[in-house]
Amino acid sequence: MTQERKNCTGPQLGTWKLQSFTTEDLDTGEKTDLFGAHPSGYLSYGPDGRMYAILVKEGRKAPADLVPTDAERVDLYGGFSSYAGTYSIEGDRISHHVDASWNQFWTGTTQVRQFSIDGKYLYIKTLPARNPVTGKGSISVLVWVKVD
């Protein structure tokens, strides 16, 4: 079976470094930096239509040994989010078609986001949904800066 090659263009192409990740609870309006004031991570959009996102909580503690204990593993998992797949753009919405994910529940789903680009900054806003970290209804805003 031959797969058709995509040739995506546009200002989203390239690698972006995470600057901030703010979540708003839909019930209370409370805003939190879910992964700390200075999270780290990368987002990449390729011309082949593939993408990946890696988000890491500020201040994650390294395990005492190469193989983490169960408690350390839970702590590490709670401070990490990652997925990869393909993407498509329609207007101000970018859809991430998830092939692999840190949370298997997302694998095979499409995660739709609003996005805008202003110079070297990419702004991504999730649609109202149940947050995969907190379980609460929320909207998240992520700010990324273009990696040169």
Protein backbone atom coordinates (compact mmCIF):
# COMPACT_ATOMS: atom_id res chain seq x y z
CA MET A 1 0.00 0.00 0.00
CA THR A 2 1.45 3.35 -1.02
CA GLN A 3 0.92 6.24 1.33
CA GLU A 4 0.31 9.66 -0.19
CA ARG A 5 2.98 12.15 0.87
CA LYS A 6 1.72 15.36 2.41
CA ASN A 7 3.37 18.66 1.71
CA CYS A 8 2.28 21.07 4.44
CA THR A 9 3.29 24.71 4.33
CA GLY A 10 2.70 27.66 6.60
CA PRO A 11 4.10 29.54 9.58
CA GLN A 12 3.40 26.64 11.98
CA LEU A 13 6.24 24.61 10.45
CA GLY A 14 9.25 24.00 12.65
CA THR A 15 10.04 23.51 16.31
CA TRP A 16 8.55 25.52 19.14
CA LYS A 17 9.73 25.72 22.79
CA LEU A 18 7.14 25.89 25.57
CA GLN A 19 7.03 29.22 27.44
CA SER A 20 3.88 28.87 29.55
CA PHE A 21 0.97 26.50 30.16
CA THR A 22 -2.01 28.06 31.98
CA THR A 23 -5.21 26.17 32.74
CA GLU A 24 -8.56 27.71 33.66
CA ASP A 25 -11.08 25.64 35.64
CA LEU A 26 -14.46 26.09 33.89
CA ASP A 27 -16.47 25.77 37.14
CA THR A 28 -14.50 28.23 39.28
CA GLY A 29 -12.63 30.40 36.76
CA GLU A 30 -9.44 29.72 38.74
CA LYS A 31 -6.27 29.87 36.63
CA THR A 32 -3.24 27.73 37.46
CA ASP A 33 0.13 26.97 35.98
CA LEU A 34 -0.53 23.24 35.89
CA PHE A 35 3.10 22.37 35.12
CA GLY A 36 4.65 25.24 37.12
CA ALA A 37 5.62 28.80 36.24
CA HIS A 38 8.46 27.58 34.00
CA PRO A 39 7.49 24.31 32.31
CA SER A 40 9.62 22.91 29.53
CA GLY A 41 8.77 21.14 26.34
CA TYR A 42 8.72 21.19 22.58
CA LEU A 43 6.14 21.12 19.82
CA SER A 44 7.06 20.36 16.23
CA TYR A 45 5.09 20.57 12.99
CA GLY A 46 6.69 18.98 9.95
CA PRO A 47 6.11 19.59 6.24
CA ASP A 48 5.14 15.89 6.01
CA GLY A 49 2.03 16.53 8.16
CA ARG A 50 3.49 14.92 11.30
CA MET A 51 3.66 16.54 14.71
CA TYR A 52 4.76 15.82 18.27
CA ALA A 53 4.30 17.57 21.60
CA ILE A 54 6.30 17.04 24.79
CA LEU A 55 5.42 18.94 27.99
CA VAL A 56 7.38 18.59 31.23
CA LYS A 57 6.46 19.98 34.64
CA GLU A 58 8.88 22.39 36.28
CA GLY A 59 10.92 20.86 39.09
CA ARG A 60 10.39 17.17 38.34
CA LYS A 61 12.60 15.12 40.62
CA ALA A 62 14.94 12.53 39.17
CA PRO A 63 14.47 9.03 40.59
CA ALA A 64 17.11 7.75 43.00
CA ASP A 65 18.13 5.08 40.47
CA LEU A 66 17.81 4.37 36.76
CA VAL A 67 14.71 2.25 37.46
CA PRO A 68 12.20 4.38 39.37
CA THR A 69 10.22 3.01 42.29
CA ASP A 70 6.46 2.80 41.80
CA ALA A 71 6.00 6.04 43.78
CA GLU A 72 8.68 7.80 41.72
CA ARG A 73 7.10 6.51 38.50
CA VAL A 74 3.70 7.94 39.50
CA ASP A 75 5.30 11.30 40.30
CA LEU A 76 7.17 11.36 36.98
CA TYR A 77 4.05 10.41 35.01
CA GLY A 78 2.04 13.17 36.71
CA GLY A 79 4.50 15.78 35.50
CA PHE A 80 4.67 14.75 31.87
CA SER A 81 2.48 14.86 28.79
CA SER A 82 3.43 13.77 25.31
CA TYR A 83 1.83 12.69 22.08
CA ALA A 84 2.56 12.39 18.38
CA GLY A 85 0.63 11.94 15.17
CA THR A 86 -0.47 13.93 12.16
CA TYR A 87 -2.06 17.36 11.97
CA SER A 88 -4.45 19.28 9.79
CA ILE A 89 -5.41 22.96 9.75
CA GLU A 90 -8.76 24.54 9.03
CA GLY A 91 -8.99 28.27 9.64
CA ASP A 92 -7.82 29.06 13.17
CA ARG A 93 -8.10 25.42 14.28
CA ILE A 94 -5.37 22.86 14.24
CA SER A 95 -6.31 19.22 14.73
CA HIS A 96 -3.82 16.78 16.20
CA HIS A 97 -4.66 13.25 15.06
CA VAL A 98 -3.00 11.22 17.83
CA ASP A 99 -1.14 8.01 16.87
CA ALA A 100 0.81 7.58 20.14
CA SER A 101 0.30 9.18 23.54
CA TRP A 102 1.54 9.23 27.14
CA ASN A 103 -2.10 8.60 28.06
CA GLN A 104 -3.40 5.70 25.99
CA PHE A 105 -6.91 7.17 26.25
CA TRP A 106 -5.84 9.86 23.73
CA THR A 107 -4.35 7.41 21.22
CA GLY A 108 -6.59 7.26 18.17
CA THR A 109 -8.38 10.53 19.04
CA THR A 110 -8.31 13.95 17.43
CA GLN A 111 -7.41 16.86 19.71
CA VAL A 112 -8.70 20.12 18.23
CA ARG A 113 -7.03 23.38 19.25
CA GLN A 114 -7.43 27.04 18.38
CA PHE A 115 -4.16 28.60 17.32
CA SER A 116 -2.62 31.87 16.27
CA ILE A 117 0.89 32.96 15.42
CA ASP A 118 2.22 36.41 16.24
CA GLY A 119 5.80 36.86 15.05
CA LYS A 120 7.91 34.26 16.83
CA TYR A 121 5.08 33.22 19.21
CA LEU A 122 2.55 30.43 18.76
CA TYR A 123 -0.57 30.53 20.95
CA ILE A 124 -2.57 27.35 21.36
CA LYS A 125 -5.87 27.21 23.24
CA THR A 126 -7.64 23.96 23.99
CA LEU A 127 -11.38 23.72 23.52
CA PRO A 128 -13.48 23.26 26.67
CA ALA A 129 -12.98 19.65 27.78
CA ARG A 130 -12.16 17.41 30.71
CA ASN A 131 -8.49 17.93 31.58
CA PRO A 132 -6.45 14.69 31.34
CA VAL A 133 -4.34 15.70 34.38
CA THR A 134 -6.94 17.15 36.78
CA GLY A 135 -10.12 15.50 35.49
CA LYS A 136 -11.94 18.85 35.68
CA GLY A 137 -13.56 20.77 32.86
CA SER A 138 -11.03 23.32 31.67
CA ILE A 139 -9.44 25.36 28.93
CA SER A 140 -5.65 25.59 28.63
CA VAL A 141 -3.56 28.24 26.91
CA LEU A 142 -0.04 27.32 25.86
CA VAL A 143 2.48 29.86 24.62
CA TRP A 144 5.38 28.63 22.49
CA VAL A 145 8.36 30.48 21.00
CA LYS A 146 9.92 29.53 17.66
CA VAL A 147 13.26 27.75 17.91
CA ASP A 148 15.73 29.27 15.43
